[in-house]
N, C-alpha and C. Protein backbone atom coordinates (compact mmCIF):
# COMPACT_ATOMS: atom_id res chain seq x y z
N UNK A 1 16.65 136.27 243.90
CA UNK A 1 15.57 136.75 244.77
C UNK A 1 16.09 137.29 246.02
N UNK A 2 15.62 138.47 246.48
CA UNK A 2 16.04 139.13 247.71
C UNK A 2 15.06 138.72 248.81
N UNK A 3 15.48 138.41 249.91
CA UNK A 3 14.58 138.10 251.01
C UNK A 3 14.45 139.11 252.05
N UNK A 4 13.46 139.27 252.71
CA UNK A 4 13.26 140.11 253.83
C UNK A 4 12.51 139.31 254.95
N UNK A 5 12.98 139.43 256.21
CA UNK A 5 12.34 138.85 257.35
C UNK A 5 11.88 139.79 258.31
N UNK A 6 10.50 139.76 258.65
CA UNK A 6 9.98 140.59 259.64
C UNK A 6 9.89 139.85 261.02
N UNK A 7 10.54 140.48 262.00
CA UNK A 7 10.40 139.96 263.44
C UNK A 7 9.43 140.73 264.10
N UNK A 8 8.33 140.03 264.49
CA UNK A 8 7.22 140.63 265.08
C UNK A 8 7.17 140.31 266.61
N UNK A 9 7.13 141.38 267.50
CA UNK A 9 7.22 141.23 268.98
C UNK A 9 5.81 141.09 269.55
N UNK A 10 4.79 141.53 268.76
CA UNK A 10 3.42 141.31 269.19
C UNK A 10 2.59 141.33 267.88
N UNK A 11 1.44 140.50 267.99
CA UNK A 11 0.69 140.32 266.69
C UNK A 11 0.15 141.68 266.14
N UNK A 12 -0.14 142.66 266.93
CA UNK A 12 -0.79 143.94 266.29
C UNK A 12 0.31 145.02 265.89
N UNK A 13 1.56 144.70 265.93
CA UNK A 13 2.57 145.60 265.45
C UNK A 13 3.36 144.87 264.32
N UNK A 14 2.79 145.05 263.12
CA UNK A 14 3.46 144.38 261.89
C UNK A 14 4.04 145.52 261.04
N UNK A 15 4.39 145.12 259.89
CA UNK A 15 5.06 145.94 258.89
C UNK A 15 4.20 147.09 258.30
N UNK A 16 2.85 146.93 258.38
CA UNK A 16 1.93 147.88 257.94
C UNK A 16 2.29 148.56 256.56
N UNK A 17 2.42 149.88 256.55
CA UNK A 17 2.55 150.60 255.34
C UNK A 17 3.99 150.39 254.68
N UNK A 18 4.92 149.90 255.39
CA UNK A 18 6.26 149.64 254.80
C UNK A 18 6.25 148.51 253.82
N UNK A 19 5.17 147.68 253.89
CA UNK A 19 5.28 146.46 252.99
C UNK A 19 5.29 146.83 251.55
N UNK A 20 4.46 147.83 251.22
CA UNK A 20 4.45 148.16 249.77
C UNK A 20 5.81 148.67 249.20
N UNK A 21 6.61 149.56 249.77
CA UNK A 21 7.80 149.96 249.17
C UNK A 21 8.89 148.81 249.26
N UNK A 22 8.84 147.91 250.28
CA UNK A 22 9.83 146.83 250.41
C UNK A 22 9.64 145.82 249.38
N UNK A 23 8.31 145.45 249.13
CA UNK A 23 8.02 144.49 248.07
C UNK A 23 8.28 145.12 246.71
N UNK A 24 7.92 146.36 246.53
CA UNK A 24 8.24 146.98 245.19
C UNK A 24 9.71 147.04 244.91
N UNK A 25 10.60 146.96 245.94
CA UNK A 25 12.14 146.99 245.77
C UNK A 25 12.58 145.59 245.42
N UNK A 26 11.64 144.59 245.31
CA UNK A 26 12.03 143.27 245.01
C UNK A 26 12.22 142.24 246.07
N UNK A 27 11.87 142.58 247.27
CA UNK A 27 11.99 141.69 248.41
C UNK A 27 10.86 140.70 248.62
N UNK A 28 11.09 139.52 248.80
CA UNK A 28 10.08 138.57 249.13
C UNK A 28 10.07 138.49 250.62
N UNK A 29 8.96 138.76 251.28
CA UNK A 29 8.91 138.98 252.76
C UNK A 29 8.41 137.68 253.47
N UNK A 30 8.90 137.35 254.49
CA UNK A 30 8.45 136.36 255.46
C UNK A 30 8.40 136.97 256.87
N UNK A 31 7.74 136.21 257.78
CA UNK A 31 7.56 136.84 259.12
C UNK A 31 7.75 135.66 260.09
N UNK A 32 8.23 136.10 261.27
CA UNK A 32 8.35 135.19 262.43
C UNK A 32 7.97 135.95 263.77
N UNK A 33 7.14 135.37 264.63
CA UNK A 33 6.86 135.91 265.82
C UNK A 33 7.97 135.54 266.86
N UNK A 34 8.17 136.25 267.96
CA UNK A 34 9.12 135.92 268.87
C UNK A 34 8.59 134.74 269.72
N UNK A 35 7.28 134.50 269.71
CA UNK A 35 6.62 133.38 270.49
C UNK A 35 6.75 132.12 269.76
N UNK A 36 7.16 132.05 268.51
CA UNK A 36 7.25 131.01 267.69
C UNK A 36 8.42 130.05 268.09
N UNK A 37 8.22 128.83 268.41
CA UNK A 37 9.26 127.96 268.89
C UNK A 37 10.55 127.95 267.95
N UNK A 38 10.34 128.28 266.75
CA UNK A 38 11.42 128.32 265.72
C UNK A 38 12.30 129.49 265.84
N UNK A 39 11.86 130.65 266.73
CA UNK A 39 12.59 131.82 266.84
C UNK A 39 13.92 131.49 267.50
N UNK A 40 13.94 130.51 268.49
CA UNK A 40 15.15 130.23 269.17
C UNK A 40 16.24 129.84 268.32
N UNK A 41 16.02 129.22 267.18
CA UNK A 41 17.06 128.73 266.21
C UNK A 41 17.21 129.57 264.98
N UNK A 42 16.55 130.75 265.00
CA UNK A 42 16.49 131.69 263.91
C UNK A 42 17.89 132.04 263.50
N UNK A 43 18.31 132.02 262.24
CA UNK A 43 19.60 132.54 261.75
C UNK A 43 19.38 134.01 261.38
N UNK A 44 19.83 134.92 262.17
CA UNK A 44 19.61 136.36 262.00
C UNK A 44 20.31 136.80 260.68
N UNK A 45 21.36 136.17 260.40
CA UNK A 45 22.20 136.51 259.13
C UNK A 45 21.72 136.16 257.87
N UNK A 46 20.64 135.15 257.80
CA UNK A 46 20.20 134.56 256.56
C UNK A 46 19.50 135.60 255.71
N UNK A 47 18.52 136.36 256.16
CA UNK A 47 17.77 137.23 255.25
C UNK A 47 18.69 138.39 254.69
N UNK A 48 18.28 138.81 253.54
CA UNK A 48 18.97 139.98 252.89
C UNK A 48 18.59 141.25 253.65
N UNK A 49 17.46 141.30 254.13
CA UNK A 49 16.99 142.39 254.91
C UNK A 49 16.18 142.00 256.12
N UNK A 50 16.56 142.47 257.37
CA UNK A 50 15.89 142.21 258.54
C UNK A 50 15.11 143.37 259.00
N UNK A 51 13.85 143.15 259.32
CA UNK A 51 12.90 144.21 259.75
C UNK A 51 12.34 143.87 261.07
N UNK A 52 12.74 144.76 262.05
CA UNK A 52 12.40 144.52 263.50
C UNK A 52 11.33 145.55 263.86
N UNK A 53 10.08 145.05 264.24
CA UNK A 53 9.05 146.02 264.48
C UNK A 53 8.97 146.26 266.00
N UNK A 54 7.80 146.83 266.38
CA UNK A 54 7.57 147.36 267.79
C UNK A 54 6.98 146.35 268.65
N UNK A 55 6.70 146.79 269.87
CA UNK A 55 6.18 145.96 270.87
C UNK A 55 6.00 146.73 272.12
N UNK A 56 5.15 146.22 273.09
CA UNK A 56 4.98 146.97 274.35
C UNK A 56 5.97 146.67 275.40
N UNK A 57 6.84 145.72 275.22
CA UNK A 57 7.77 145.42 276.28
C UNK A 57 9.02 146.27 276.15
N UNK A 58 9.79 146.33 277.25
CA UNK A 58 11.11 147.07 277.20
C UNK A 58 12.24 146.11 277.00
N UNK A 59 13.32 146.59 276.41
CA UNK A 59 14.51 145.76 276.18
C UNK A 59 15.07 145.32 277.57
N UNK A 60 14.90 146.09 278.54
CA UNK A 60 15.45 145.68 279.91
C UNK A 60 14.53 144.70 280.62
N UNK A 61 13.41 144.25 280.03
CA UNK A 61 12.56 143.27 280.70
C UNK A 61 12.90 141.78 280.36
N UNK A 62 14.16 141.52 280.56
CA UNK A 62 14.62 140.19 280.11
C UNK A 62 14.23 139.01 280.97
N UNK A 63 13.92 139.26 282.21
CA UNK A 63 13.43 138.15 283.01
C UNK A 63 12.05 137.81 282.60
N UNK A 64 11.27 138.71 282.30
CA UNK A 64 9.90 138.53 281.80
C UNK A 64 9.87 137.90 280.38
N UNK A 65 10.78 138.39 279.60
CA UNK A 65 10.73 137.96 278.16
C UNK A 65 12.16 137.35 277.83
N UNK A 66 12.41 136.08 278.16
CA UNK A 66 13.72 135.58 277.96
C UNK A 66 14.19 135.61 276.53
N UNK A 67 13.39 135.69 275.55
CA UNK A 67 13.85 135.91 274.12
C UNK A 67 14.54 137.08 273.88
N UNK A 68 14.43 138.20 274.75
CA UNK A 68 14.99 139.41 274.43
C UNK A 68 16.59 139.36 274.43
N UNK A 69 17.20 138.59 275.37
CA UNK A 69 18.59 138.37 275.39
C UNK A 69 19.05 137.70 274.06
N UNK A 70 18.37 136.62 273.76
CA UNK A 70 18.80 136.00 272.52
C UNK A 70 18.64 136.95 271.33
N UNK A 71 17.67 137.64 271.18
CA UNK A 71 17.44 138.57 270.05
C UNK A 71 18.67 139.56 270.06
N UNK A 72 18.89 140.16 271.19
CA UNK A 72 19.91 141.24 271.22
C UNK A 72 21.26 140.55 270.76
N UNK A 73 21.55 139.44 271.30
CA UNK A 73 22.86 138.73 270.99
C UNK A 73 23.00 138.38 269.45
N UNK A 74 22.04 137.87 268.89
CA UNK A 74 22.02 137.50 267.48
C UNK A 74 21.97 138.77 266.67
N UNK A 75 21.34 139.79 267.04
CA UNK A 75 21.25 140.96 266.27
C UNK A 75 22.58 141.80 266.32
N UNK A 76 23.30 141.67 267.39
CA UNK A 76 24.72 142.21 267.48
C UNK A 76 25.60 141.53 266.32
N UNK A 77 25.51 140.31 266.14
CA UNK A 77 26.34 139.63 265.13
C UNK A 77 26.00 140.08 263.78
N UNK A 78 24.58 140.30 263.54
CA UNK A 78 24.29 140.71 262.26
C UNK A 78 24.77 142.09 261.97
N UNK A 79 24.56 142.96 262.90
CA UNK A 79 25.12 144.37 262.82
C UNK A 79 26.62 144.43 262.50
N UNK A 80 27.30 143.61 263.28
CA UNK A 80 28.72 143.59 263.17
C UNK A 80 29.15 143.21 261.74
N UNK A 81 28.30 142.41 261.08
CA UNK A 81 28.61 141.91 259.66
C UNK A 81 28.14 143.02 258.62
N UNK A 82 27.41 144.04 259.06
CA UNK A 82 27.10 145.16 258.21
C UNK A 82 25.88 144.78 257.32
N UNK A 83 25.05 143.89 257.74
CA UNK A 83 23.89 143.39 256.92
C UNK A 83 22.78 144.32 257.05
N UNK A 84 21.96 144.61 256.03
CA UNK A 84 20.87 145.61 256.01
C UNK A 84 19.85 145.23 257.16
N UNK A 85 19.57 146.20 257.97
CA UNK A 85 18.71 145.95 259.11
C UNK A 85 17.90 147.36 259.36
N UNK A 86 16.55 147.10 259.62
CA UNK A 86 15.76 148.25 259.91
C UNK A 86 15.04 148.01 261.27
N UNK A 87 15.05 148.93 262.14
CA UNK A 87 14.42 148.72 263.47
C UNK A 87 13.43 149.79 263.60
N UNK A 88 12.21 149.61 264.16
CA UNK A 88 11.18 150.49 264.37
C UNK A 88 10.67 150.45 265.93
N UNK A 89 10.70 151.46 266.58
CA UNK A 89 10.39 151.58 268.00
C UNK A 89 11.11 150.62 268.81
N UNK A 90 10.49 149.50 269.33
CA UNK A 90 11.19 148.50 270.03
C UNK A 90 12.41 148.00 269.17
N UNK A 91 12.13 147.80 267.89
CA UNK A 91 13.21 147.35 267.02
C UNK A 91 14.41 148.26 267.01
N UNK A 92 14.16 149.50 267.06
CA UNK A 92 15.21 150.48 267.15
C UNK A 92 16.00 150.39 268.40
N UNK A 93 15.22 150.26 269.54
CA UNK A 93 15.78 150.00 270.89
C UNK A 93 16.61 148.83 270.95
N UNK A 94 16.14 147.71 270.29
CA UNK A 94 16.94 146.44 270.19
C UNK A 94 18.26 146.70 269.48
N UNK A 95 18.15 147.45 268.45
CA UNK A 95 19.47 147.76 267.74
C UNK A 95 20.46 148.53 268.56
N UNK A 96 19.92 149.63 269.30
CA UNK A 96 20.81 150.38 270.24
C UNK A 96 21.38 149.41 271.27
N UNK A 97 20.59 148.54 271.89
CA UNK A 97 21.19 147.56 272.84
C UNK A 97 22.22 146.65 272.21
N UNK A 98 21.92 146.17 271.09
CA UNK A 98 22.90 145.37 270.45
C UNK A 98 24.25 145.92 270.09
N UNK A 99 24.14 147.37 269.99
CA UNK A 99 25.30 148.00 269.69
C UNK A 99 25.98 148.64 271.02
N UNK A 100 25.50 148.24 272.17
CA UNK A 100 26.10 148.53 273.46
C UNK A 100 25.58 149.71 274.22
N UNK A 101 24.43 150.21 273.68
CA UNK A 101 23.92 151.42 274.38
C UNK A 101 22.80 151.03 275.38
N UNK A 102 22.65 151.84 276.35
CA UNK A 102 21.61 151.66 277.30
C UNK A 102 20.20 151.89 276.86
N UNK A 103 19.26 151.06 277.20
CA UNK A 103 17.85 151.34 276.86
C UNK A 103 17.14 151.52 278.25
N UNK A 104 16.40 152.58 278.41
CA UNK A 104 15.76 152.86 279.82
C UNK A 104 14.43 153.60 279.64
N UNK A 105 13.64 153.63 280.62
CA UNK A 105 12.40 154.41 280.49
C UNK A 105 12.68 155.85 280.23
N UNK A 106 11.77 156.40 279.42
CA UNK A 106 12.02 157.67 278.90
C UNK A 106 11.28 158.75 279.86
N UNK A 107 11.36 160.05 279.67
CA UNK A 107 10.91 161.09 280.66
C UNK A 107 9.37 161.14 280.67
N UNK A 108 8.64 160.80 279.57
CA UNK A 108 7.27 160.85 279.34
C UNK A 108 6.86 159.74 278.46
N UNK A 109 5.43 159.47 278.39
CA UNK A 109 4.93 158.75 277.38
C UNK A 109 4.62 159.60 276.21
N UNK A 110 5.26 159.36 275.10
CA UNK A 110 4.97 160.16 273.87
C UNK A 110 4.11 159.41 272.98
N UNK A 111 2.82 159.93 272.84
CA UNK A 111 1.82 159.23 272.09
C UNK A 111 0.99 160.17 271.20
N UNK A 112 0.87 159.90 270.02
CA UNK A 112 0.09 160.70 269.07
C UNK A 112 0.91 161.09 267.79
N UNK A 113 0.23 161.92 266.94
CA UNK A 113 0.88 162.27 265.71
C UNK A 113 1.50 163.61 265.92
N UNK A 114 2.85 163.83 265.68
CA UNK A 114 3.55 165.01 265.74
C UNK A 114 4.81 164.94 264.88
N UNK A 115 5.27 166.13 264.38
CA UNK A 115 6.43 166.13 263.43
C UNK A 115 7.76 165.90 264.22
N UNK A 116 8.75 165.48 263.56
CA UNK A 116 10.08 165.29 264.01
C UNK A 116 10.92 166.62 263.76
N UNK A 117 11.87 166.82 264.50
CA UNK A 117 12.90 167.80 264.16
C UNK A 117 14.27 167.16 263.72
N UNK A 118 14.33 167.38 262.28
CA UNK A 118 15.47 166.79 261.63
C UNK A 118 16.74 167.74 261.80
N UNK A 119 17.92 167.08 262.13
CA UNK A 119 19.10 167.89 262.13
C UNK A 119 19.69 167.83 260.58
N UNK A 120 20.89 168.37 260.41
CA UNK A 120 21.40 168.54 259.03
C UNK A 120 21.55 167.16 258.50
N UNK A 121 22.08 166.20 259.28
CA UNK A 121 22.25 164.80 258.74
C UNK A 121 20.98 164.29 258.39
N UNK A 122 19.88 164.44 259.16
CA UNK A 122 18.61 163.93 258.86
C UNK A 122 18.10 164.53 257.56
N UNK A 123 18.21 165.81 257.42
CA UNK A 123 17.69 166.51 256.16
C UNK A 123 18.39 166.02 255.02
N UNK A 124 19.60 165.43 255.06
CA UNK A 124 20.29 164.86 253.88
C UNK A 124 20.21 163.32 253.92
N UNK A 125 19.13 162.85 254.51
CA UNK A 125 18.96 161.48 254.57
C UNK A 125 17.52 161.12 253.99
N UNK A 126 17.22 159.80 253.93
CA UNK A 126 15.80 159.52 253.50
C UNK A 126 14.77 160.01 254.50
N UNK A 127 15.19 160.40 255.67
CA UNK A 127 14.18 161.01 256.58
C UNK A 127 13.58 162.41 256.09
N UNK A 128 14.34 162.91 255.10
CA UNK A 128 13.81 164.23 254.50
C UNK A 128 12.38 164.06 254.13
N UNK A 129 11.93 162.89 253.68
CA UNK A 129 10.53 162.68 253.22
C UNK A 129 9.53 162.86 254.40
N UNK A 130 9.91 162.75 255.65
CA UNK A 130 9.00 162.84 256.80
C UNK A 130 9.17 164.24 257.43
N UNK A 131 10.06 165.06 256.91
CA UNK A 131 10.21 166.36 257.46
C UNK A 131 8.96 167.17 257.51
N UNK A 132 8.53 167.72 258.65
CA UNK A 132 7.35 168.51 258.75
C UNK A 132 6.01 167.77 258.66
N UNK A 133 6.10 166.38 258.65
CA UNK A 133 5.01 165.49 258.53
C UNK A 133 4.62 164.93 259.89
N UNK A 134 3.52 165.14 260.46
CA UNK A 134 3.18 164.47 261.70
C UNK A 134 3.19 163.05 261.57
N UNK A 135 3.93 162.32 262.27
CA UNK A 135 3.98 160.86 262.33
C UNK A 135 3.57 160.38 263.63
N UNK A 136 3.32 159.12 263.68
CA UNK A 136 2.80 158.48 265.00
C UNK A 136 3.94 158.12 265.84
N UNK A 137 3.80 158.66 267.11
CA UNK A 137 4.73 158.23 268.20
C UNK A 137 3.95 157.45 269.27
N UNK A 138 4.60 156.35 269.74
CA UNK A 138 3.90 155.51 270.72
C UNK A 138 5.00 154.76 271.48
N UNK A 139 5.65 155.55 272.46
CA UNK A 139 6.75 155.00 273.14
C UNK A 139 6.87 155.54 274.54
N UNK A 140 7.43 154.87 275.38
CA UNK A 140 7.82 155.40 276.71
C UNK A 140 9.16 155.03 277.13
N UNK A 141 10.01 154.44 276.24
CA UNK A 141 11.43 154.27 276.45
C UNK A 141 12.33 155.01 275.56
N UNK A 142 13.57 155.15 275.94
CA UNK A 142 14.56 155.84 275.09
C UNK A 142 15.79 155.03 275.28
N UNK A 143 16.83 155.48 274.51
CA UNK A 143 18.09 154.77 274.42
C UNK A 143 19.28 155.74 274.26
N UNK A 144 20.45 155.47 274.70
CA UNK A 144 21.61 156.07 274.45
C UNK A 144 22.01 155.91 273.01
N UNK A 145 22.79 156.92 272.50
CA UNK A 145 23.24 156.82 271.20
C UNK A 145 24.45 155.96 271.02
N UNK A 146 24.33 154.88 270.22
CA UNK A 146 25.55 153.90 270.13
C UNK A 146 26.70 154.60 269.49
N UNK A 147 27.91 154.10 269.78
CA UNK A 147 29.09 154.72 269.17
C UNK A 147 29.02 154.35 267.66
N UNK A 148 29.59 155.27 266.90
CA UNK A 148 29.72 155.15 265.52
C UNK A 148 28.48 155.23 264.63
N UNK A 149 27.36 155.85 265.22
CA UNK A 149 26.17 156.08 264.47
C UNK A 149 25.96 157.61 264.24
N UNK A 150 25.01 157.94 263.44
CA UNK A 150 24.69 159.32 263.09
C UNK A 150 23.28 159.59 263.53
N UNK A 151 23.22 160.52 264.51
CA UNK A 151 21.76 160.92 264.85
C UNK A 151 21.09 161.69 263.72
N UNK A 152 19.79 161.50 263.59
CA UNK A 152 19.12 162.10 262.41
C UNK A 152 17.99 162.99 262.84
N UNK A 153 17.22 162.67 263.94
CA UNK A 153 16.07 163.38 264.31
C UNK A 153 15.74 163.29 265.83
N UNK A 154 15.06 164.29 266.31
CA UNK A 154 14.75 164.39 267.72
C UNK A 154 13.25 164.93 267.83
N UNK A 155 12.74 164.85 268.96
CA UNK A 155 11.53 165.67 269.34
C UNK A 155 11.84 166.38 270.66
N UNK A 156 11.02 167.22 271.23
CA UNK A 156 11.26 167.94 272.37
C UNK A 156 11.47 166.98 273.59
N UNK A 157 10.71 165.93 273.61
CA UNK A 157 10.81 164.98 274.82
C UNK A 157 11.84 163.95 274.54
N UNK A 158 12.12 163.60 273.32
CA UNK A 158 13.10 162.50 273.04
C UNK A 158 14.17 162.89 272.08
N UNK A 159 15.40 163.05 272.58
CA UNK A 159 16.48 163.57 271.79
C UNK A 159 16.88 162.52 270.69
N UNK A 160 16.70 161.29 270.95
CA UNK A 160 17.16 160.22 270.06
C UNK A 160 15.91 159.59 269.36
N UNK A 161 15.49 160.12 268.22
CA UNK A 161 14.40 159.50 267.47
C UNK A 161 14.76 158.75 266.36
N UNK A 162 15.95 158.92 265.77
CA UNK A 162 16.30 158.09 264.58
C UNK A 162 17.87 158.20 264.46
N UNK A 163 18.47 157.14 264.07
CA UNK A 163 19.87 157.12 263.79
C UNK A 163 20.19 156.11 262.69
N UNK A 164 21.38 156.24 262.11
CA UNK A 164 21.77 155.29 261.08
C UNK A 164 23.36 155.14 261.15
N UNK A 165 23.75 153.99 260.54
CA UNK A 165 25.12 153.70 260.45
C UNK A 165 25.35 153.27 259.00
N UNK A 166 26.05 154.17 258.27
CA UNK A 166 26.27 153.88 256.76
C UNK A 166 24.93 153.74 256.09
N UNK A 167 24.93 153.05 255.01
CA UNK A 167 23.63 152.85 254.18
C UNK A 167 22.82 151.72 254.71
N UNK A 168 23.41 150.78 255.59
CA UNK A 168 22.76 149.54 255.82
C UNK A 168 21.89 149.50 257.14
N UNK A 169 22.12 150.46 258.06
CA UNK A 169 21.49 150.35 259.34
C UNK A 169 20.54 151.57 259.54
N UNK A 170 19.36 151.37 259.90
CA UNK A 170 18.46 152.50 260.08
C UNK A 170 17.52 152.13 261.32
N UNK A 171 17.51 153.03 262.29
CA UNK A 171 16.73 152.83 263.55
C UNK A 171 15.92 153.97 263.68
N UNK A 172 14.49 153.71 263.84
CA UNK A 172 13.44 154.75 263.87
C UNK A 172 12.64 154.45 265.18
N UNK A 173 12.68 155.46 266.07
CA UNK A 173 11.82 155.41 267.27
C UNK A 173 10.31 155.47 266.96
N UNK A 174 10.07 156.29 265.93
CA UNK A 174 8.66 156.62 265.56
C UNK A 174 8.01 155.59 264.54
N UNK A 175 6.74 155.70 264.37
CA UNK A 175 6.03 154.79 263.54
C UNK A 175 5.57 155.44 262.18
N UNK A 176 6.38 155.61 261.30
CA UNK A 176 6.01 156.03 259.92
C UNK A 176 5.28 155.02 259.10
N UNK A 177 5.19 153.82 259.57
CA UNK A 177 4.43 152.80 258.90
C UNK A 177 2.97 152.71 259.21
N UNK A 178 2.65 153.45 260.25
CA UNK A 178 1.22 153.45 260.74
C UNK A 178 0.45 154.61 260.36
N UNK A 179 -0.86 154.46 260.03
CA UNK A 179 -1.68 155.51 259.67
C UNK A 179 -2.91 155.11 258.91
N UNK A 180 -2.80 153.93 258.30
CA UNK A 180 -3.86 153.38 257.49
C UNK A 180 -4.21 151.88 257.98
N UNK A 181 -3.47 151.35 258.87
CA UNK A 181 -3.64 149.89 259.20
C UNK A 181 -4.69 149.84 260.25
N UNK A 182 -5.74 148.87 260.10
CA UNK A 182 -6.84 148.77 260.98
C UNK A 182 -6.37 148.22 262.38
N UNK A 183 -5.19 147.73 262.35
CA UNK A 183 -4.66 147.15 263.68
C UNK A 183 -4.37 148.26 264.78
N UNK A 184 -4.48 149.52 264.21
CA UNK A 184 -4.35 150.71 265.15
C UNK A 184 -5.29 150.55 266.32
N UNK A 185 -6.50 149.98 266.03
CA UNK A 185 -7.53 149.86 267.04
C UNK A 185 -7.03 148.86 268.08
N UNK A 186 -6.25 147.94 267.75
CA UNK A 186 -5.76 146.91 268.72
C UNK A 186 -4.68 147.65 269.63
N UNK A 187 -3.90 148.66 269.04
CA UNK A 187 -3.08 149.34 269.90
C UNK A 187 -3.83 150.15 271.02
N UNK A 188 -5.01 150.69 270.62
CA UNK A 188 -5.84 151.52 271.58
C UNK A 188 -6.40 150.45 272.67
N UNK A 189 -6.82 149.28 272.18
CA UNK A 189 -7.46 148.41 273.05
C UNK A 189 -6.50 147.81 274.07
N UNK A 190 -5.19 147.64 273.68
CA UNK A 190 -4.18 146.98 274.52
C UNK A 190 -3.37 148.02 275.43
N UNK A 191 -3.57 149.33 275.12
CA UNK A 191 -2.79 150.32 275.92
C UNK A 191 -3.60 151.40 276.48
N UNK A 192 -4.77 151.12 277.22
CA UNK A 192 -5.56 152.30 277.77
C UNK A 192 -4.85 152.98 278.86
N UNK A 193 -4.03 152.37 279.68
CA UNK A 193 -3.26 153.06 280.69
C UNK A 193 -2.16 153.90 280.15
N UNK A 194 -1.50 153.30 279.12
CA UNK A 194 -0.41 154.03 278.42
C UNK A 194 -0.95 155.36 277.79
N UNK A 195 -2.09 155.21 277.07
CA UNK A 195 -2.67 156.29 276.47
C UNK A 195 -3.02 157.38 277.53
N UNK A 196 -3.65 156.98 278.62
CA UNK A 196 -4.04 157.88 279.67
C UNK A 196 -2.88 158.60 280.17
N UNK A 197 -1.76 157.88 280.44
CA UNK A 197 -0.54 158.40 281.10
C UNK A 197 0.08 159.45 280.18
N UNK A 198 -0.20 159.25 278.82
CA UNK A 198 0.37 160.29 277.86
C UNK A 198 -0.45 161.49 277.80
N UNK A 199 -1.61 161.54 278.54
CA UNK A 199 -2.43 162.70 278.55
C UNK A 199 -3.34 162.86 277.32
N UNK A 200 -3.64 161.82 276.73
CA UNK A 200 -4.63 161.82 275.56
C UNK A 200 -5.65 160.90 275.71
N UNK A 201 -6.47 160.67 274.68
CA UNK A 201 -7.67 159.71 274.83
C UNK A 201 -7.78 158.81 273.50
N UNK A 202 -8.41 157.69 273.56
CA UNK A 202 -8.60 156.86 272.37
C UNK A 202 -9.29 157.68 271.29
N UNK A 203 -10.34 158.30 271.57
CA UNK A 203 -11.10 159.12 270.63
C UNK A 203 -10.28 160.19 269.93
N UNK A 204 -9.39 160.82 270.66
CA UNK A 204 -8.52 161.84 270.13
C UNK A 204 -7.55 161.21 269.16
N UNK A 205 -7.04 160.11 269.55
CA UNK A 205 -6.07 159.34 268.72
C UNK A 205 -6.66 158.77 267.40
N UNK A 206 -7.90 158.31 267.58
CA UNK A 206 -8.67 157.85 266.42
C UNK A 206 -8.85 159.07 265.40
N UNK A 207 -9.17 160.18 265.91
CA UNK A 207 -9.31 161.39 265.00
C UNK A 207 -8.06 161.80 264.35
N UNK A 208 -6.97 161.70 265.10
CA UNK A 208 -5.61 162.04 264.53
C UNK A 208 -5.21 160.93 263.49
N UNK A 209 -5.47 159.79 263.76
CA UNK A 209 -5.19 158.72 262.82
C UNK A 209 -5.94 158.86 261.59
N UNK A 210 -7.27 159.29 261.60
CA UNK A 210 -7.97 159.37 260.36
C UNK A 210 -7.56 160.63 259.54
N UNK A 211 -7.24 161.75 260.28
CA UNK A 211 -6.89 163.00 259.53
C UNK A 211 -5.41 163.05 259.17
N UNK A 212 -4.45 162.36 259.93
CA UNK A 212 -3.09 162.58 259.62
C UNK A 212 -2.41 161.30 259.19
N UNK A 213 -3.06 160.23 259.35
CA UNK A 213 -2.48 158.89 259.03
C UNK A 213 -2.04 158.78 257.59
N UNK A 214 -2.91 158.99 256.62
CA UNK A 214 -2.57 158.69 255.19
C UNK A 214 -1.30 159.50 254.79
N UNK A 215 -1.19 160.80 255.18
CA UNK A 215 0.02 161.56 254.78
C UNK A 215 1.23 160.97 255.48
N UNK A 216 1.16 160.51 256.75
CA UNK A 216 2.31 159.92 257.42
C UNK A 216 2.78 158.68 256.74
N UNK A 217 1.85 157.81 256.28
CA UNK A 217 2.15 156.59 255.64
C UNK A 217 2.78 156.86 254.29
N UNK A 218 2.20 157.85 253.56
CA UNK A 218 2.76 158.19 252.26
C UNK A 218 4.25 158.71 252.37
N UNK A 219 4.50 159.56 253.34
CA UNK A 219 5.94 160.00 253.61
C UNK A 219 6.72 158.86 254.11
N UNK A 220 6.25 158.05 254.96
CA UNK A 220 6.97 156.87 255.39
C UNK A 220 7.50 155.94 254.27
N UNK A 221 6.56 155.75 253.35
CA UNK A 221 6.84 154.82 252.31
C UNK A 221 7.92 155.42 251.38
N UNK A 222 7.82 156.82 251.13
CA UNK A 222 8.94 157.43 250.31
C UNK A 222 10.34 157.27 251.16
N UNK A 223 10.22 157.44 252.32
CA UNK A 223 11.46 157.35 253.12
C UNK A 223 12.14 155.96 253.04
N UNK A 224 11.37 154.90 253.18
CA UNK A 224 11.87 153.62 253.06
C UNK A 224 12.27 153.25 251.71
N UNK A 225 11.60 153.72 250.68
CA UNK A 225 11.99 153.46 249.25
C UNK A 225 13.30 153.92 248.99
N UNK A 226 13.52 155.22 249.47
CA UNK A 226 14.86 155.84 249.21
C UNK A 226 15.95 155.07 249.94
N UNK A 227 15.62 154.74 251.29
CA UNK A 227 16.69 153.94 252.03
C UNK A 227 17.03 152.64 251.27
N UNK A 228 16.07 152.01 250.82
CA UNK A 228 16.32 150.66 250.11
C UNK A 228 17.15 150.93 248.85
N UNK A 229 16.92 152.00 248.18
CA UNK A 229 17.72 152.27 246.89
C UNK A 229 19.15 152.55 247.24
N UNK A 230 19.47 152.93 248.45
CA UNK A 230 20.81 153.11 248.89
C UNK A 230 21.61 151.92 249.30
N UNK A 231 20.90 150.79 249.49
CA UNK A 231 21.58 149.59 250.03
C UNK A 231 22.57 149.07 249.00
């Protein structure tokens, strides 16, 4: 039996559309919230697959969220062992920090559905499934590119949208898991200032979610399925 563990940084940012391809690949999934007292003693090396999802906090907000330092330290140990790890948005930023890169506020709030620009490495990776597909962006932080990784995708505002190291590590700044999950409404409810700063509105985002979400999820599921086959 293969095990997968979801680390959830906030209740409304879960695995969403990625659950289907991961379970289809034979993984039995469990989940832990960073607010769970058991998180302090979590063995990051135990699961066959570690899935680190998003959240509204920044990696640099360690005084406000003391669990961040613990997570980055344990994650660094897992990455050093070459164990399969996927990071989404905050999860990707955690991976970057664990590999020694700086995480910092980005130039703008990037919010809404838009396509990625894949480089040649990205076009020859599982990200090929999301080429030209508008996927959800919901971030205001960025990260330096860690040593020894391969950049896969960018946008005009954010040069570092995805990277990998070998077959076992994939970091995604964007949300290809979201597009059909009803918890999207909680994103809107919990981030009105963030949405406004990005120059959009909840109603516009709801319309994008309805029109573009299903295709984004389908492409994201194909991407994850291919990545898992390569482990």
